[in-house]
Amino acid sequence: MADTVETDVNGGAAASANPDLRWYIVHAYSGMEKAVERNITERIARSGMQSKFGRILVPSEEVVEMRNGVRRTTDRRLFPGYVFVEMVMEDDTWHLVKHTSKVTGFVGGAKNRPAPISEEEIRKIVDQMQEGTEKPRHKVEFMVGELIRVKEGPFADFNGSVEEVNYEKNRLRVSVTIFGRATPVELEFSQVEKT
């Protein structure tokens, strides 16, 4: 999944070849992060400024969701509306990125001199992305003790308390009160909703 998230504009050349490269956050139209990544990459290639750019990152993670009873894995942006660009900050590189289609500007710093973010912050983001790729998160997360409402099946419209969560099987054990007694019931994620 990393190759769809990170683009190296130097075609695999060592990004650390230029010691002046720093990471900057670019604000993009929400939902257009991948388009911005493509547009910036194309503009860099056309302008011949590959030596002033490193990697372009659109942080995302895999999320497991249930839709119509079918388990699907989808990509979810960790920072919707933001693209991380490794670059040398000069007037020409600033203009190239700032005037790219679907980019609204840089985040932080002065109006025409944005502040870079640290290498440590980028490392944390990359680690978070890889953690999501290795072990996809569920879109809906349930906590033991949380109150839910059953929305389908024989216990529809009953309220209950989550006793156990099994993410591998997409199932919950819920304590539902029936005739004044707490009764444990096994349900699928799709059969319940948070109250």
Protein backbone atom coordinates (compact mmCIF):
# COMPACT_ATOMS: atom_id res chain seq x y z
CA MET A 1 0.00 0.00 0.00
CA ALA A 2 2.97 2.34 0.57
CA ASP A 3 3.55 2.86 -3.17
CA THR A 4 0.08 4.38 -3.59
CA VAL A 5 0.68 6.70 -0.68
CA GLU A 6 4.22 7.96 -1.22
CA THR A 7 5.74 9.27 -4.44
CA ASP A 8 9.47 9.76 -4.90
CA VAL A 9 9.85 12.43 -7.58
CA ASN A 10 13.50 11.46 -8.14
CA GLY A 11 12.62 7.98 -9.39
CA GLY A 12 14.15 6.17 -6.43
CA ALA A 13 17.28 8.34 -6.06
CA ALA A 14 18.31 8.87 -2.47
CA ALA A 15 16.17 11.61 -0.99
CA SER A 16 18.95 12.55 1.42
CA ALA A 17 21.22 13.45 -1.54
CA ASN A 18 20.21 17.08 -0.98
CA PRO A 19 20.80 18.10 2.67
CA ASP A 20 18.51 21.14 2.27
CA LEU A 21 15.35 19.02 1.81
CA ARG A 22 12.73 19.67 4.50
CA TRP A 23 9.14 18.47 4.94
CA TYR A 24 6.30 20.95 4.44
CA ILE A 25 2.55 20.56 4.78
CA VAL A 26 0.46 21.62 1.79
CA HIS A 27 -3.25 22.33 2.21
CA ALA A 28 -5.35 20.84 -0.60
CA TYR A 29 -9.03 20.60 -1.40
CA SER A 30 -10.48 17.83 0.74
CA GLY A 31 -10.75 14.58 -1.19
CA MET A 32 -8.26 15.80 -3.82
CA GLU A 33 -5.05 14.75 -2.07
CA LYS A 34 -4.12 12.08 -4.64
CA ALA A 35 -4.82 14.51 -7.51
CA VAL A 36 -2.60 17.12 -5.83
CA GLU A 37 0.15 14.52 -5.43
CA ARG A 38 -0.10 13.70 -9.16
CA ASN A 39 -0.26 17.36 -10.20
CA ILE A 40 2.79 18.36 -8.14
CA THR A 41 4.76 15.35 -9.47
CA GLU A 42 3.90 16.28 -13.09
CA ARG A 43 4.80 19.94 -12.57
CA ILE A 44 8.15 18.99 -11.01
CA ALA A 45 8.95 16.76 -14.00
CA ARG A 46 7.95 19.46 -16.52
CA SER A 47 9.98 22.16 -14.76
CA GLY A 48 13.07 19.96 -14.31
CA MET A 49 13.31 20.70 -10.58
CA GLN A 50 13.63 17.07 -9.39
CA SER A 51 16.82 17.88 -7.46
CA LYS A 52 14.87 20.33 -5.27
CA PHE A 53 12.18 17.81 -4.31
CA GLY A 54 12.21 14.52 -2.42
CA ARG A 55 9.10 12.54 -1.56
CA ILE A 56 5.42 13.46 -1.64
CA LEU A 57 3.28 11.78 1.00
CA VAL A 58 -0.50 11.35 1.29
CA PRO A 59 -0.85 9.61 4.67
CA SER A 60 -3.57 6.96 4.72
CA GLU A 61 -4.40 3.72 6.49
CA GLU A 62 -6.47 0.66 5.70
CA VAL A 63 -9.83 0.51 7.45
CA VAL A 64 -12.14 -2.51 7.54
CA GLU A 65 -15.81 -1.66 7.21
CA MET A 66 -19.02 -3.62 6.85
CA ARG A 67 -21.30 -2.50 4.03
CA ASN A 68 -24.49 -4.47 3.29
CA GLY A 69 -23.11 -7.40 5.28
CA VAL A 70 -19.90 -7.51 3.20
CA ARG A 71 -16.52 -6.90 4.80
CA ARG A 72 -14.49 -4.39 2.77
CA THR A 73 -11.05 -2.89 3.25
CA THR A 74 -10.76 0.74 2.19
CA ASP A 75 -8.15 3.50 2.40
CA ARG A 76 -8.85 6.31 4.84
CA ARG A 77 -6.83 9.53 4.85
CA LEU A 78 -5.08 10.18 8.16
CA PHE A 79 -4.97 13.91 7.42
CA PRO A 80 -7.80 14.79 5.01
CA GLY A 81 -6.98 17.88 2.98
CA TYR A 82 -3.22 17.72 3.57
CA VAL A 83 -0.27 16.54 1.49
CA PHE A 84 3.28 16.33 2.85
CA VAL A 85 6.02 17.48 0.46
CA GLU A 86 9.78 17.09 0.97
CA MET A 87 11.45 20.01 -0.78
CA VAL A 88 14.03 22.79 -0.74
CA MET A 89 12.12 25.97 0.09
CA GLU A 90 13.02 28.62 -2.50
CA ASP A 91 10.90 31.11 -4.42
CA ASP A 92 10.66 28.91 -7.53
CA THR A 93 9.74 25.72 -5.59
CA TRP A 94 7.26 27.66 -3.42
CA HIS A 95 5.55 29.03 -6.55
CA LEU A 96 5.52 25.61 -8.23
CA VAL A 97 3.66 23.99 -5.31
CA LYS A 98 1.50 26.98 -4.34
CA HIS A 99 0.17 27.44 -7.88
CA THR A 100 -0.60 23.75 -8.44
CA SER A 101 -4.22 22.96 -9.25
CA LYS A 102 -6.32 22.12 -6.13
CA VAL A 103 -3.68 23.48 -3.70
CA THR A 104 -4.84 26.28 -1.37
CA GLY A 105 -1.45 26.96 0.21
CA PHE A 106 1.12 25.91 2.78
CA VAL A 107 0.44 25.35 6.47
CA GLY A 108 2.35 27.24 9.16
CA GLY A 109 5.02 29.95 9.13
CA ALA A 110 4.81 33.28 7.35
CA LYS A 111 2.61 33.90 4.31
CA ASN A 112 5.35 33.23 1.75
CA ARG A 113 7.80 31.36 4.01
CA PRO A 114 6.13 28.27 5.52
CA ALA A 115 7.70 26.49 8.49
CA PRO A 116 9.02 22.95 7.93
CA ILE A 117 7.96 20.05 10.15
CA SER A 118 10.52 17.81 11.84
CA GLU A 119 11.80 14.51 10.48
CA GLU A 120 10.58 12.91 13.73
CA GLU A 121 6.98 13.99 13.05
CA ILE A 122 7.16 12.49 9.54
CA ARG A 123 8.60 9.25 10.97
CA LYS A 124 5.62 9.01 13.36
CA ILE A 125 3.18 9.50 10.47
CA VAL A 126 4.91 6.83 8.34
CA ASP A 127 4.90 4.43 11.32
CA GLN A 128 1.19 5.08 11.84
CA MET A 129 0.55 4.35 8.13
CA GLN A 130 2.52 1.09 8.23
CA GLU A 131 0.75 -0.02 11.39
CA GLY A 132 -2.58 0.45 9.58
CA THR A 133 -1.32 -1.54 6.56
CA GLU A 134 -0.11 -4.46 8.66
CA LYS A 135 -3.24 -4.62 10.82
CA PRO A 136 -6.23 -2.81 9.27
CA ARG A 137 -8.42 -0.90 11.72
CA HIS A 138 -12.18 -1.22 11.80
CA LYS A 139 -14.20 1.79 10.81
CA VAL A 140 -16.53 1.26 13.78
CA GLU A 141 -14.84 0.47 17.04
CA PHE A 142 -16.76 -0.84 20.02
CA MET A 143 -15.65 -0.71 23.64
CA VAL A 144 -16.58 -3.16 26.39
CA GLY A 145 -19.32 -1.56 28.50
CA GLU A 146 -20.49 0.69 25.67
CA LEU A 147 -24.26 0.98 25.15
CA ILE A 148 -25.60 -0.06 21.75
CA ARG A 149 -29.01 -0.54 20.08
CA VAL A 150 -29.83 -3.64 18.06
CA LYS A 151 -31.16 -2.50 14.69
CA GLU A 152 -31.97 -5.82 12.98
CA GLY A 153 -32.66 -9.46 13.75
CA PRO A 154 -34.86 -11.01 16.44
CA PHE A 155 -33.65 -8.50 19.06
CA ALA A 156 -34.29 -5.39 16.94
CA ASP A 157 -34.91 -2.21 18.96
CA PHE A 158 -33.43 -3.71 22.15
CA ASN A 159 -30.67 -1.82 23.91
CA GLY A 160 -27.68 -3.59 25.36
CA SER A 161 -24.20 -3.34 26.75
CA VAL A 162 -21.12 -4.64 24.90
CA GLU A 163 -19.46 -7.51 26.80
CA GLU A 164 -16.92 -8.72 24.23
CA VAL A 165 -15.67 -7.59 20.80
CA ASN A 166 -14.25 -9.95 18.15
CA TYR A 167 -12.80 -7.87 15.28
CA GLU A 168 -11.60 -10.95 13.36
CA LYS A 169 -15.17 -12.23 13.02
CA ASN A 170 -16.89 -8.80 13.07
CA ARG A 171 -19.05 -9.93 15.98
CA LEU A 172 -20.03 -8.65 19.43
CA ARG A 173 -21.33 -10.34 22.54
CA VAL A 174 -23.97 -8.01 23.91
CA SER A 175 -25.91 -8.22 27.16
CA VAL A 176 -29.55 -7.52 26.29
CA THR A 177 -32.25 -7.23 28.96
CA ILE A 178 -35.14 -9.55 28.07
CA PHE A 179 -38.04 -10.00 30.52
CA GLY A 180 -36.04 -8.24 33.23
CA ARG A 181 -32.97 -10.51 32.87
CA ALA A 182 -29.63 -9.79 31.23
CA THR A 183 -29.11 -12.27 28.40
CA PRO A 184 -25.86 -12.52 26.38
CA VAL A 185 -26.45 -12.41 22.61
CA GLU A 186 -23.95 -12.82 19.72
CA LEU A 187 -24.47 -10.18 17.00
CA GLU A 188 -22.65 -8.98 13.89
CA PHE A 189 -21.37 -5.41 13.71
CA SER A 190 -23.91 -4.67 10.99
CA GLN A 191 -26.80 -5.58 13.33
CA VAL A 192 -26.02 -2.90 15.93
CA GLU A 193 -25.45 0.82 16.19
CA LYS A 194 -24.03 3.06 18.88
CA THR A 195 -26.54 4.94 21.00
